[in-house]
N, C-alpha and C. Protein backbone atom coordinates (compact mmCIF):
# COMPACT_ATOMS: atom_id res chain seq x y z
N UNK A 1 78.10 119.69 97.18
CA UNK A 1 78.89 120.49 98.43
C UNK A 1 80.35 119.79 98.09
N UNK A 2 81.30 120.46 97.96
CA UNK A 2 82.47 119.83 97.87
C UNK A 2 83.12 119.44 99.16
N UNK A 3 83.64 118.04 99.14
CA UNK A 3 84.25 117.51 100.14
C UNK A 3 85.75 118.13 100.69
N UNK A 4 85.81 118.35 101.99
CA UNK A 4 87.33 118.88 102.04
C UNK A 4 88.29 117.41 101.97
N UNK A 5 89.39 117.49 101.81
CA UNK A 5 90.40 116.63 101.42
C UNK A 5 90.55 115.85 102.82
N UNK A 6 90.54 114.60 102.74
CA UNK A 6 90.92 113.94 103.82
C UNK A 6 92.43 114.17 104.46
N UNK A 7 92.69 113.84 105.56
CA UNK A 7 93.84 114.11 106.24
C UNK A 7 94.97 112.88 105.60
N UNK A 8 96.17 113.02 105.53
CA UNK A 8 96.93 112.04 104.91
C UNK A 8 96.93 110.53 105.43
N UNK A 9 97.25 109.43 104.74
CA UNK A 9 97.11 108.20 105.56
C UNK A 9 98.29 107.70 105.15
N UNK A 10 99.32 107.37 106.10
CA UNK A 10 100.55 106.70 106.09
C UNK A 10 100.54 105.44 106.52
N UNK A 11 101.14 104.54 105.39
CA UNK A 11 100.88 103.00 105.48
C UNK A 11 102.60 102.69 105.72
N UNK A 12 102.69 101.64 106.77
CA UNK A 12 104.11 101.23 107.08
C UNK A 12 104.08 99.65 107.27
N UNK A 13 104.88 99.01 106.73
CA UNK A 13 105.11 97.63 106.89
C UNK A 13 106.11 97.34 107.78
N UNK A 14 105.96 96.58 108.89
CA UNK A 14 106.87 96.43 110.00
C UNK A 14 107.28 94.73 109.81
N UNK A 15 108.59 94.63 109.58
CA UNK A 15 108.85 93.15 109.56
C UNK A 15 109.52 92.66 110.71
N UNK A 16 109.02 91.55 111.54
CA UNK A 16 109.58 91.06 112.71
C UNK A 16 110.14 89.83 112.16
N UNK A 17 111.29 89.49 113.07
CA UNK A 17 111.88 88.08 112.99
C UNK A 17 111.03 86.92 113.84
N UNK A 18 110.90 85.87 113.19
CA UNK A 18 110.37 84.53 113.86
C UNK A 18 111.13 84.24 115.21
N UNK A 19 110.62 83.74 116.19
CA UNK A 19 111.38 83.29 117.44
C UNK A 19 112.10 81.94 116.96
N UNK A 20 113.20 81.65 117.81
CA UNK A 20 113.92 80.30 117.36
C UNK A 20 113.00 79.23 117.10
N UNK A 21 112.13 79.10 118.08
CA UNK A 21 111.15 78.10 118.35
C UNK A 21 110.29 78.09 116.87
N UNK A 22 109.57 79.19 116.74
CA UNK A 22 108.82 79.44 115.36
C UNK A 22 109.59 78.94 114.16
N UNK A 23 111.00 79.55 114.21
CA UNK A 23 111.71 79.12 112.90
C UNK A 23 111.94 77.74 112.79
N UNK A 24 112.19 77.03 113.79
CA UNK A 24 112.24 75.41 113.63
C UNK A 24 111.24 74.89 113.24
N UNK A 25 109.96 75.32 113.84
CA UNK A 25 108.61 74.83 113.37
C UNK A 25 108.14 75.18 111.99
N UNK A 26 108.57 76.18 111.69
CA UNK A 26 108.32 76.82 110.15
C UNK A 26 108.97 75.90 109.28
N UNK A 27 110.20 75.59 109.51
CA UNK A 27 110.94 75.11 108.51
C UNK A 27 110.52 73.36 108.52
N UNK A 28 109.98 72.85 109.57
CA UNK A 28 109.45 71.50 109.43
C UNK A 28 108.41 71.49 108.88
N UNK A 29 107.60 72.41 109.14
CA UNK A 29 106.09 72.51 108.38
C UNK A 29 106.06 72.78 107.12
N UNK A 30 107.16 73.62 106.60
CA UNK A 30 107.48 73.67 105.12
C UNK A 30 107.64 72.42 104.25
N UNK A 31 108.48 71.57 104.99
CA UNK A 31 108.82 70.29 104.44
C UNK A 31 107.66 69.50 104.18
N UNK A 32 106.70 69.42 105.35
CA UNK A 32 105.65 68.61 105.28
C UNK A 32 104.56 69.02 104.44
N UNK A 33 104.38 70.51 104.18
CA UNK A 33 103.47 71.15 103.55
C UNK A 33 103.91 70.79 101.96
N UNK A 34 105.09 70.88 101.71
CA UNK A 34 105.48 70.68 100.31
C UNK A 34 105.31 69.20 99.78
N UNK A 35 105.38 68.05 100.53
CA UNK A 35 105.11 66.90 100.43
C UNK A 35 103.68 66.64 100.21
N UNK A 36 102.80 67.26 101.14
CA UNK A 36 101.40 67.16 101.03
C UNK A 36 100.95 67.52 99.84
N UNK A 37 101.60 68.90 99.35
CA UNK A 37 101.08 69.35 98.18
C UNK A 37 101.36 68.77 96.85
N UNK A 38 102.62 68.37 96.94
CA UNK A 38 103.22 67.48 95.67
C UNK A 38 102.35 66.27 95.51
N UNK A 39 101.94 65.54 96.36
CA UNK A 39 101.05 64.29 96.40
C UNK A 39 99.67 64.57 95.97
N UNK A 40 99.45 65.64 96.37
CA UNK A 40 97.73 66.19 96.28
C UNK A 40 97.58 66.46 94.71
N UNK A 41 98.74 67.25 94.15
CA UNK A 41 98.78 67.68 92.79
C UNK A 41 98.95 66.33 91.88
N UNK A 42 99.59 65.36 92.54
CA UNK A 42 100.05 64.03 91.62
C UNK A 42 98.61 63.12 91.58
N UNK A 43 97.98 62.89 92.67
CA UNK A 43 97.02 61.92 93.04
C UNK A 43 95.44 62.50 92.95
N UNK A 44 95.25 63.69 93.25
CA UNK A 44 94.02 64.18 93.22
C UNK A 44 93.50 65.17 91.92
N UNK A 45 92.31 65.33 92.12
CA UNK A 45 91.83 66.40 91.02
C UNK A 45 92.41 67.85 91.34
N UNK A 46 92.31 68.64 90.39
CA UNK A 46 92.95 69.94 90.45
C UNK A 46 92.14 70.82 91.57
N UNK A 47 90.99 70.75 91.58
CA UNK A 47 90.27 71.45 92.61
C UNK A 47 90.68 70.81 94.14
N UNK A 48 90.63 69.50 94.10
CA UNK A 48 90.79 68.82 95.65
C UNK A 48 92.27 69.36 95.92
N UNK A 49 93.22 69.52 94.90
CA UNK A 49 94.44 69.82 95.17
C UNK A 49 94.59 71.24 95.70
N UNK A 50 93.84 72.07 95.08
CA UNK A 50 94.01 73.36 95.49
C UNK A 50 93.55 73.59 96.86
N UNK A 51 92.46 72.70 97.29
CA UNK A 51 91.67 73.11 98.70
C UNK A 51 92.97 72.45 99.60
N UNK A 52 93.47 71.51 99.42
CA UNK A 52 94.80 70.77 100.36
C UNK A 52 95.91 71.82 100.26
N UNK A 53 96.19 72.41 99.14
CA UNK A 53 97.22 73.49 99.16
C UNK A 53 96.80 74.70 100.24
N UNK A 54 95.77 75.18 100.14
CA UNK A 54 95.14 76.34 100.79
C UNK A 54 95.24 76.03 102.12
N UNK A 55 94.81 74.54 102.52
CA UNK A 55 94.95 74.52 103.78
C UNK A 55 96.31 74.27 104.63
N UNK A 56 96.98 73.65 103.70
CA UNK A 56 98.56 73.66 104.32
C UNK A 56 99.05 75.18 104.31
N UNK A 57 98.82 76.04 103.43
CA UNK A 57 99.18 77.33 103.73
C UNK A 57 98.78 77.99 104.58
N UNK A 58 97.60 77.82 105.12
CA UNK A 58 96.88 78.37 106.33
C UNK A 58 97.58 77.93 107.71
N UNK A 59 98.24 76.74 107.65
CA UNK A 59 98.95 76.29 108.79
C UNK A 59 100.29 77.38 108.89
N UNK A 60 101.04 77.67 107.89
CA UNK A 60 102.03 78.58 107.79
C UNK A 60 101.62 79.58 108.26
N UNK A 61 100.61 80.33 107.76
CA UNK A 61 99.99 81.60 108.08
C UNK A 61 99.90 81.63 109.46
N UNK A 62 99.22 80.69 110.14
CA UNK A 62 99.02 80.69 111.59
C UNK A 62 100.16 80.63 112.35
N UNK A 63 101.24 79.79 111.84
CA UNK A 63 102.34 79.78 112.64
C UNK A 63 102.97 81.17 112.72
N UNK A 64 102.81 81.79 111.54
CA UNK A 64 103.37 83.19 111.59
C UNK A 64 102.74 84.12 112.61
N UNK A 65 101.66 83.97 112.73
CA UNK A 65 100.80 85.07 113.67
C UNK A 65 101.12 84.84 115.28
N UNK A 66 100.77 83.42 115.34
CA UNK A 66 101.24 82.85 116.91
C UNK A 66 101.17 81.38 116.82
N UNK A 67 102.42 80.81 117.36
CA UNK A 67 102.46 79.62 117.39
C UNK A 67 101.29 78.75 118.20
N UNK A 68 100.51 79.50 119.02
CA UNK A 68 99.49 78.65 119.64
C UNK A 68 98.38 78.39 118.72
N UNK A 69 98.16 79.21 117.70
CA UNK A 69 97.19 79.01 116.71
C UNK A 69 97.10 77.76 116.09
N UNK A 70 98.74 77.51 115.72
CA UNK A 70 99.10 76.37 115.23
C UNK A 70 99.05 75.23 115.82
N UNK A 71 99.35 75.09 117.06
CA UNK A 71 99.21 74.14 117.91
C UNK A 71 99.16 74.69 119.43
N UNK A 72 97.88 74.57 120.09
CA UNK A 72 97.67 75.38 121.36
C UNK A 72 98.71 74.99 122.50
N UNK A 73 99.39 73.71 122.30
CA UNK A 73 100.21 73.48 123.36
C UNK A 73 101.69 73.97 123.48
N UNK A 74 101.93 74.66 122.33
CA UNK A 74 103.17 75.44 122.13
C UNK A 74 103.52 76.50 123.14
N UNK A 75 104.44 76.45 123.94
CA UNK A 75 104.83 77.44 124.88
C UNK A 75 105.81 78.51 124.08
N UNK A 76 105.32 79.33 123.53
CA UNK A 76 106.21 80.37 122.96
C UNK A 76 105.46 81.79 122.90
N UNK A 77 106.41 82.79 122.67
CA UNK A 77 105.77 83.92 122.63
C UNK A 77 105.52 84.28 121.16
N UNK A 78 104.45 85.56 120.89
CA UNK A 78 104.16 85.81 119.54
C UNK A 78 104.84 87.01 119.42
N UNK A 79 105.83 87.13 118.46
CA UNK A 79 106.65 88.54 118.29
C UNK A 79 105.51 89.53 118.05
N UNK A 80 104.27 88.95 117.13
CA UNK A 80 103.37 90.27 116.82
C UNK A 80 102.48 90.84 117.88
N UNK A 81 102.27 89.70 118.88
CA UNK A 81 101.53 90.36 120.04
C UNK A 81 102.31 91.27 120.93
N UNK A 82 103.46 90.78 120.97
CA UNK A 82 104.35 91.61 121.93
C UNK A 82 104.67 93.26 121.15
N UNK A 83 104.87 93.06 119.97
CA UNK A 83 105.23 94.14 119.35
C UNK A 83 103.57 95.40 119.42
N UNK A 84 102.65 94.46 119.07
CA UNK A 84 101.36 95.37 119.31
C UNK A 84 101.18 95.83 120.46
N UNK A 85 101.27 94.99 121.48
CA UNK A 85 101.11 95.54 122.92
C UNK A 85 101.93 96.86 123.34
N UNK A 86 103.21 96.65 123.05
CA UNK A 86 104.15 97.84 123.30
C UNK A 86 103.34 99.05 122.48
N UNK A 87 103.04 98.84 121.17
CA UNK A 87 102.78 100.19 120.35
C UNK A 87 101.10 100.47 121.17
N UNK A 88 100.37 99.61 121.55
CA UNK A 88 99.10 99.96 122.05
C UNK A 88 99.48 100.84 123.58
N UNK A 89 100.29 100.43 124.17
CA UNK A 89 100.58 100.99 125.66
C UNK A 89 101.10 102.37 125.25
N UNK A 90 101.82 102.63 124.40
CA UNK A 90 102.50 103.70 124.14
C UNK A 90 101.47 104.63 123.59
N UNK A 91 100.67 104.26 122.51
CA UNK A 91 99.54 105.18 122.20
C UNK A 91 98.59 105.64 123.18
N UNK A 92 98.16 104.85 124.04
CA UNK A 92 97.11 105.04 125.28
C UNK A 92 98.04 106.02 126.16
N UNK A 93 99.13 106.01 126.39
CA UNK A 93 99.82 107.09 127.19
C UNK A 93 99.88 108.46 126.69
N UNK A 94 99.87 108.46 124.93
CA UNK A 94 99.77 109.68 124.30
C UNK A 94 98.41 110.06 124.12
N UNK A 95 97.37 109.19 124.56
CA UNK A 95 95.72 109.66 124.49
C UNK A 95 95.29 109.38 122.98
N UNK A 96 95.96 108.37 122.19
CA UNK A 96 95.54 108.04 120.85
C UNK A 96 94.56 106.96 120.98
N UNK A 97 93.89 106.63 119.73
CA UNK A 97 92.97 105.29 119.72
C UNK A 97 93.24 104.43 118.70
N UNK A 98 93.17 103.30 118.47
CA UNK A 98 93.51 102.15 117.43
C UNK A 98 92.31 101.24 117.32
N UNK A 99 92.63 100.88 115.82
CA UNK A 99 91.69 99.74 115.55
C UNK A 99 92.63 98.65 115.15
N UNK A 100 92.34 97.29 115.40
CA UNK A 100 93.15 96.35 115.42
C UNK A 100 92.44 95.24 114.60
N UNK A 101 93.01 94.83 113.37
CA UNK A 101 92.35 93.73 112.55
C UNK A 101 93.16 92.52 112.42
N UNK A 102 92.20 91.38 112.53
CA UNK A 102 93.08 90.20 112.20
C UNK A 102 91.68 89.31 111.62
N UNK A 103 92.14 88.39 110.66
CA UNK A 103 91.16 87.77 110.05
C UNK A 103 90.75 86.38 110.86
N UNK A 104 91.59 86.04 111.98
CA UNK A 104 91.33 84.88 112.64
C UNK A 104 90.79 85.35 114.05
N UNK A 105 89.54 85.22 114.23
CA UNK A 105 88.96 85.22 115.51
C UNK A 105 89.65 84.38 116.74
N UNK A 106 90.33 83.57 116.39
CA UNK A 106 91.02 82.79 117.36
C UNK A 106 92.45 83.45 117.85
N UNK A 107 92.78 84.25 116.88
CA UNK A 107 93.97 85.06 117.23
C UNK A 107 93.45 86.28 118.12
N UNK A 108 92.38 86.86 117.80
CA UNK A 108 91.79 88.01 118.58
C UNK A 108 91.70 87.41 120.15
N UNK A 109 91.34 86.11 120.18
CA UNK A 109 91.09 85.46 121.47
C UNK A 109 92.17 85.50 122.26
N UNK A 110 93.41 85.05 121.79
CA UNK A 110 94.85 85.10 122.31
C UNK A 110 95.15 86.53 122.66
N UNK A 111 94.85 87.43 121.64
CA UNK A 111 95.25 89.00 122.05
C UNK A 111 94.45 89.50 123.17
N UNK A 112 93.23 89.06 123.23
CA UNK A 112 92.28 89.49 124.40
C UNK A 112 92.88 88.79 125.59
N UNK A 113 93.26 87.96 125.71
CA UNK A 113 93.85 87.39 127.02
C UNK A 113 94.91 88.07 127.62
N UNK A 114 95.92 88.54 126.51
CA UNK A 114 97.23 89.15 126.79
C UNK A 114 96.83 90.63 127.16
N UNK A 115 95.91 91.17 126.42
CA UNK A 115 95.72 92.64 126.53
C UNK A 115 95.10 92.73 128.32
N UNK A 116 94.08 91.75 128.58
CA UNK A 116 93.64 91.83 129.97
C UNK A 116 94.91 91.84 130.81
N UNK A 117 95.66 90.96 130.51
CA UNK A 117 96.95 90.62 131.50
C UNK A 117 97.57 91.85 131.81
N UNK A 118 97.87 92.72 130.67
CA UNK A 118 98.45 93.93 130.57
C UNK A 118 97.51 95.30 131.05
N UNK A 119 96.42 95.11 131.25
CA UNK A 119 95.38 96.11 131.68
C UNK A 119 95.18 96.80 130.66
N UNK A 120 94.99 96.44 129.40
CA UNK A 120 94.48 97.47 128.25
C UNK A 120 93.25 97.07 128.00
N UNK A 121 92.41 98.10 128.29
CA UNK A 121 91.21 97.99 127.85
C UNK A 121 90.53 97.99 126.47
N UNK A 122 89.58 97.24 126.12
CA UNK A 122 89.23 97.16 124.76
C UNK A 122 87.80 96.94 124.24
N UNK A 123 87.37 96.88 123.16
CA UNK A 123 86.22 96.75 122.76
C UNK A 123 86.45 95.54 121.50
N UNK A 124 85.33 94.62 121.22
CA UNK A 124 85.64 93.71 120.29
C UNK A 124 84.38 93.36 119.45
N UNK A 125 84.72 93.49 118.17
CA UNK A 125 83.59 93.06 117.07
C UNK A 125 84.03 92.12 116.30
N UNK A 126 83.27 90.91 116.05
CA UNK A 126 83.39 90.03 115.04
C UNK A 126 82.25 89.30 114.57
N UNK A 127 82.44 88.30 113.77
CA UNK A 127 81.35 87.72 113.06
C UNK A 127 79.95 87.31 114.12
N UNK A 128 80.64 86.88 115.40
CA UNK A 128 79.76 86.23 116.28
C UNK A 128 78.85 87.66 117.14
N UNK A 129 79.48 88.85 117.16
CA UNK A 129 78.63 89.81 117.64
C UNK A 129 77.26 90.09 116.92
N UNK A 130 76.36 90.08 117.98
CA UNK A 130 74.98 90.34 117.62
C UNK A 130 74.88 91.59 116.85
N UNK A 131 74.13 91.68 115.81
CA UNK A 131 73.89 93.14 115.02
C UNK A 131 73.36 94.01 115.86
N UNK A 132 72.33 93.87 116.74
CA UNK A 132 71.73 94.53 117.73
C UNK A 132 72.86 95.42 118.64
N UNK A 133 73.99 94.56 118.83
CA UNK A 133 75.03 95.03 119.86
C UNK A 133 76.04 95.86 119.13
N UNK A 134 75.99 95.81 117.98
CA UNK A 134 77.20 96.52 117.02
C UNK A 134 77.12 98.02 117.26
N UNK A 135 75.76 98.54 116.98
CA UNK A 135 75.93 99.92 117.04
C UNK A 135 76.36 100.57 118.35
N UNK A 136 75.70 99.86 119.47
CA UNK A 136 76.32 100.28 120.69
C UNK A 136 77.75 100.35 120.96
N UNK A 137 78.53 99.33 120.47
CA UNK A 137 79.98 99.20 120.53
C UNK A 137 80.47 100.43 119.70
N UNK A 138 80.00 100.61 118.62
CA UNK A 138 80.62 101.69 117.85
C UNK A 138 80.35 103.07 118.21
N UNK A 139 79.34 103.13 118.80
CA UNK A 139 78.84 104.28 119.46
C UNK A 139 79.75 104.83 120.77
N UNK A 140 79.99 103.69 121.66
CA UNK A 140 80.84 103.67 122.76
C UNK A 140 82.33 104.09 122.51
N UNK A 141 83.02 103.44 121.11
CA UNK A 141 83.92 103.68 120.83
C UNK A 141 84.02 105.26 120.43
N UNK A 142 83.29 105.55 119.40
CA UNK A 142 83.27 106.78 118.79
C UNK A 142 82.91 108.16 119.72
N UNK A 143 82.22 107.91 120.83
CA UNK A 143 82.00 109.06 121.68
C UNK A 143 83.16 109.28 122.77
N UNK A 144 83.95 108.25 122.78
CA UNK A 144 85.03 108.38 123.88
C UNK A 144 85.03 108.03 125.11
N UNK A 145 83.51 107.49 125.27
CA UNK A 145 83.21 106.97 126.67
C UNK A 145 84.05 105.42 127.01
N UNK A 146 84.04 104.93 125.78
CA UNK A 146 84.66 103.54 125.84
C UNK A 146 86.12 103.29 125.69
N UNK A 147 86.76 102.04 125.71
CA UNK A 147 88.13 102.00 125.55
C UNK A 147 88.59 102.59 124.46
N UNK A 148 89.84 102.68 124.20
CA UNK A 148 90.42 103.38 123.00
C UNK A 148 91.00 102.44 122.18
N UNK A 149 90.83 101.15 122.40
CA UNK A 149 91.30 100.12 121.41
C UNK A 149 90.08 99.13 120.98
N UNK A 150 90.08 99.03 119.73
CA UNK A 150 88.90 98.06 119.09
C UNK A 150 89.36 97.15 118.22
N UNK A 151 89.11 95.97 118.69
CA UNK A 151 89.60 94.58 118.12
C UNK A 151 88.53 94.27 117.30
N UNK A 152 88.94 94.18 116.05
CA UNK A 152 87.94 93.65 114.84
C UNK A 152 88.51 92.73 113.85
N UNK A 153 87.44 91.78 113.59
CA UNK A 153 87.88 90.95 112.75
C UNK A 153 87.39 91.36 111.32
N UNK A 154 88.40 91.03 110.22
CA UNK A 154 88.56 91.84 109.00
C UNK A 154 87.26 91.50 108.35
N UNK A 155 86.51 90.47 108.24
CA UNK A 155 85.28 90.53 107.66
C UNK A 155 84.03 91.23 108.40
N UNK A 156 83.88 91.12 109.71
CA UNK A 156 82.71 91.69 110.43
C UNK A 156 83.07 93.36 110.54
N UNK A 157 84.28 93.62 110.60
CA UNK A 157 84.71 94.96 110.87
C UNK A 157 85.04 95.82 109.85
N UNK A 158 85.30 95.29 108.72
CA UNK A 158 85.84 95.93 107.41
C UNK A 158 84.92 96.59 106.75
N UNK A 159 83.77 96.62 107.04
CA UNK A 159 82.92 97.36 106.04
C UNK A 159 81.86 98.19 106.67
N UNK A 160 81.66 99.43 106.38
CA UNK A 160 80.18 100.10 106.98
C UNK A 160 80.52 100.77 108.17
N UNK A 161 81.61 100.48 108.77
CA UNK A 161 81.59 101.05 110.21
C UNK A 161 82.35 102.48 110.08
N UNK A 162 81.83 103.32 111.18
CA UNK A 162 82.57 104.61 111.10
C UNK A 162 83.46 104.74 112.37
N UNK A 163 84.56 104.58 112.22
CA UNK A 163 85.34 104.63 113.53
C UNK A 163 86.51 105.76 113.26
N UNK A 164 85.98 106.89 113.08
CA UNK A 164 87.09 107.86 113.11
C UNK A 164 87.92 108.28 114.32
N UNK A 165 87.30 107.91 115.35
CA UNK A 165 88.07 108.16 116.68
C UNK A 165 89.39 107.88 116.70
N UNK A 166 89.66 106.64 115.83
CA UNK A 166 91.00 106.10 115.64
C UNK A 166 91.82 106.67 114.79
N UNK A 167 93.13 106.98 115.02
CA UNK A 167 93.90 107.51 113.92
C UNK A 167 95.26 106.53 113.81
N UNK A 168 95.01 105.58 114.40
CA UNK A 168 95.94 104.31 114.10
C UNK A 168 95.23 103.00 113.82
N UNK A 169 95.82 102.40 112.72
CA UNK A 169 95.05 101.07 112.43
C UNK A 169 96.27 100.02 112.18
N UNK A 170 96.05 98.83 112.86
CA UNK A 170 97.15 97.64 112.86
C UNK A 170 96.27 96.51 112.33
N UNK A 171 97.05 96.19 111.17
CA UNK A 171 96.66 94.72 110.49
C UNK A 171 97.80 93.64 110.99
N UNK A 172 97.24 92.69 111.44
CA UNK A 172 98.11 91.65 112.15
C UNK A 172 98.56 90.34 111.15
N UNK A 173 97.64 90.46 110.04
CA UNK A 173 98.16 89.40 109.16
C UNK A 173 97.62 89.79 107.77
N UNK A 174 98.25 89.68 106.67
CA UNK A 174 98.14 89.97 105.34
C UNK A 174 96.96 89.16 105.01
N UNK A 175 96.27 89.81 103.89
CA UNK A 175 95.13 89.31 103.22
C UNK A 175 95.39 89.26 101.88
N UNK A 176 94.96 88.26 100.99
CA UNK A 176 95.41 88.24 99.67
C UNK A 176 94.87 89.26 98.79
N UNK A 177 93.97 90.02 99.14
CA UNK A 177 93.08 91.00 98.33
C UNK A 177 93.27 92.36 98.95
N UNK A 178 94.17 93.09 98.24
CA UNK A 178 94.40 94.43 98.95
C UNK A 178 93.14 95.54 99.14
N UNK A 179 92.03 95.32 98.26
CA UNK A 179 90.87 96.16 98.40
C UNK A 179 90.30 95.78 99.84
N UNK A 180 90.32 94.61 100.33
CA UNK A 180 89.57 94.03 101.58
C UNK A 180 90.37 94.78 102.63
N UNK A 181 91.53 94.87 102.64
CA UNK A 181 92.42 95.34 103.73
C UNK A 181 92.20 96.87 103.73
N UNK A 182 92.24 97.46 102.50
CA UNK A 182 92.09 98.81 102.37
C UNK A 182 90.61 99.32 103.02
N UNK A 183 89.67 98.62 102.60
CA UNK A 183 88.31 98.89 103.01
C UNK A 183 88.29 99.22 104.91
N UNK A 184 89.00 98.14 105.29
CA UNK A 184 88.96 97.86 106.71
C UNK A 184 89.77 99.01 107.16
N UNK A 185 90.81 99.56 106.65
CA UNK A 185 91.63 100.72 106.98
C UNK A 185 90.63 102.00 106.85
N UNK A 186 89.79 102.06 105.78
CA UNK A 186 89.13 103.07 105.76
C UNK A 186 87.97 103.40 106.74
N UNK A 187 87.77 102.43 107.74
CA UNK A 187 86.96 102.61 108.79
C UNK A 187 87.41 103.85 109.50
N UNK A 188 88.64 104.13 109.63
CA UNK A 188 89.18 105.19 110.26
C UNK A 188 89.39 106.59 109.31
N UNK A 189 89.88 106.04 108.16
CA UNK A 189 90.18 107.04 107.27
C UNK A 189 89.19 107.41 106.55
N UNK A 190 88.18 108.29 106.88
CA UNK A 190 87.13 108.68 106.19
C UNK A 190 86.56 109.91 106.60
N UNK A 191 85.43 110.36 106.06
CA UNK A 191 84.70 111.80 106.42
C UNK A 191 84.65 111.73 107.99
N UNK A 192 84.96 113.05 108.47
CA UNK A 192 84.94 112.91 109.83
C UNK A 192 86.37 112.77 110.49
N UNK A 193 87.25 112.38 109.84
CA UNK A 193 88.52 112.08 110.50
C UNK A 193 89.36 113.45 110.43
N UNK A 194 89.87 113.77 111.56
CA UNK A 194 90.60 114.99 111.45
C UNK A 194 92.20 114.84 111.51
N UNK A 195 92.38 113.74 111.77
CA UNK A 195 93.96 113.67 112.14
C UNK A 195 94.49 112.71 110.93
N UNK A 196 95.74 112.90 110.78
CA UNK A 196 96.40 112.05 109.98
C UNK A 196 96.35 110.36 110.46
N UNK A 197 96.24 109.41 109.63
CA UNK A 197 95.87 108.05 109.98
C UNK A 197 97.15 107.42 109.58
N UNK A 198 97.40 106.38 110.70
CA UNK A 198 98.81 105.81 110.52
C UNK A 198 98.35 104.32 110.42
N UNK A 199 98.49 103.74 109.17
CA UNK A 199 98.35 102.26 109.27
C UNK A 199 99.52 101.22 109.04
N UNK A 200 99.49 100.31 109.96
CA UNK A 200 100.75 99.41 110.25
C UNK A 200 100.45 98.13 110.00
N UNK A 201 101.27 97.38 108.99
CA UNK A 201 100.76 96.05 108.86
C UNK A 201 102.12 95.42 109.60
N UNK A 202 101.89 94.26 110.53
CA UNK A 202 102.74 93.55 111.17
C UNK A 202 103.00 92.19 110.47
N UNK A 203 104.11 92.06 110.13
CA UNK A 203 104.54 91.06 109.24
C UNK A 203 105.67 90.26 109.55
N UNK A 204 105.76 89.01 109.37
CA UNK A 204 107.04 88.16 109.86
C UNK A 204 108.11 87.83 108.51
N UNK A 205 109.17 88.28 108.74
CA UNK A 205 110.33 88.03 107.58
C UNK A 205 110.47 86.75 107.27
N UNK A 206 110.89 86.54 106.03
CA UNK A 206 111.35 85.22 105.43
C UNK A 206 110.28 84.01 105.71
N UNK A 207 109.01 84.52 105.53
CA UNK A 207 107.71 83.76 105.54
C UNK A 207 106.81 83.92 104.27
N UNK A 208 106.03 83.03 104.53
CA UNK A 208 104.85 83.28 103.56
C UNK A 208 104.27 84.56 103.65
N UNK A 209 104.21 85.33 104.55
CA UNK A 209 103.81 86.61 104.76
C UNK A 209 104.48 87.66 103.79
N UNK A 210 105.72 87.36 103.59
CA UNK A 210 106.68 88.07 102.37
C UNK A 210 105.96 87.82 101.03
N UNK A 211 105.78 86.58 100.97
CA UNK A 211 105.37 86.10 99.53
C UNK A 211 103.91 86.95 99.26
N UNK A 212 103.02 86.78 100.34
CA UNK A 212 101.46 87.16 100.08
C UNK A 212 101.74 88.80 99.79
N UNK A 213 102.83 89.64 100.47
CA UNK A 213 102.73 90.99 100.24
C UNK A 213 103.23 91.08 98.78
N UNK A 214 104.21 90.40 98.24
CA UNK A 214 104.76 90.44 96.89
C UNK A 214 103.60 90.36 95.96
N UNK A 215 102.83 89.37 96.16
CA UNK A 215 101.78 88.72 95.33
C UNK A 215 100.52 89.90 95.20
N UNK A 216 100.36 90.42 96.37
CA UNK A 216 99.45 91.73 96.54
C UNK A 216 100.03 92.87 95.59
N UNK A 217 101.41 93.37 95.99
CA UNK A 217 101.91 94.19 95.12
C UNK A 217 101.58 94.22 93.66
N UNK A 218 101.64 92.65 93.06
CA UNK A 218 101.44 92.68 91.83
C UNK A 218 99.92 92.57 91.54
N UNK A 219 99.20 92.22 92.11
CA UNK A 219 97.69 92.41 92.01
C UNK A 219 97.30 93.86 91.92
N UNK A 220 97.75 94.84 92.71
CA UNK A 220 97.47 96.08 92.98
C UNK A 220 98.05 96.63 91.69
N UNK A 221 99.20 96.36 91.09
CA UNK A 221 99.88 97.14 89.98
C UNK A 221 98.76 96.74 88.49
N UNK A 222 98.35 95.33 88.74
CA UNK A 222 97.51 94.94 87.65
C UNK A 222 96.16 95.76 87.71
N UNK A 223 95.62 95.76 88.85
CA UNK A 223 94.27 96.60 89.30
C UNK A 223 94.62 98.11 89.00
N UNK A 224 95.60 98.56 89.11
CA UNK A 224 95.77 100.08 88.78
C UNK A 224 96.11 100.43 87.37
N UNK A 225 96.57 99.21 86.45
CA UNK A 225 96.76 99.44 85.04
C UNK A 225 95.53 99.33 84.45
N UNK A 226 94.54 98.23 84.86
CA UNK A 226 93.28 98.22 84.40
C UNK A 226 92.63 99.23 84.56
N UNK A 227 92.57 100.11 85.50
CA UNK A 227 91.64 101.04 86.02
C UNK A 227 92.11 102.22 85.47
N UNK A 228 93.30 102.58 85.46
CA UNK A 228 93.71 103.79 84.81
C UNK A 228 93.96 103.90 83.36
């Protein structure tokens, strides 16, 4: 049987500016990170140095997402959370459903707190969600009886789930591997989807996230060149 063409998938990258506090902290952290990484490559084995470099980069990535992930006592807003909450409120008013992906469950915790505060109802699935419970969450989302927002960790929610009730997908942090992100987006963009699917990546300008996107573009071009 010939499958009907899927509705279109529209991808948008939204770049936000760091807050003044975030900017100052980012600059300071970059200087520390640079020294740490240089020392590691000078005094440690290649393998050890790479782990130290990745850990240092992780700090910068967390700072881009929400300053509280970097250090819980920081009093500052996360532009990503603000943008997402405004978008979700608009979509809710228009009767749309959305999937929200992050690879950090600690970030989903922050998001959860702010969503409760704003009265936005949601479902959540991550690595700690019991397998027996997952099916129920998916059914609740799909049959329209549950909330219209589904928070998912990239690893747990990125594969095998059918979440075609959603026609909006938000990625809150870029991942090195474009295939992993695409797999996650395809929870919504798959057989059974009747509407156009809008995929939005929320990124911070002049940060490591921009560099990750550039690297990903190269990887994707290489992948296409090999596959085609």
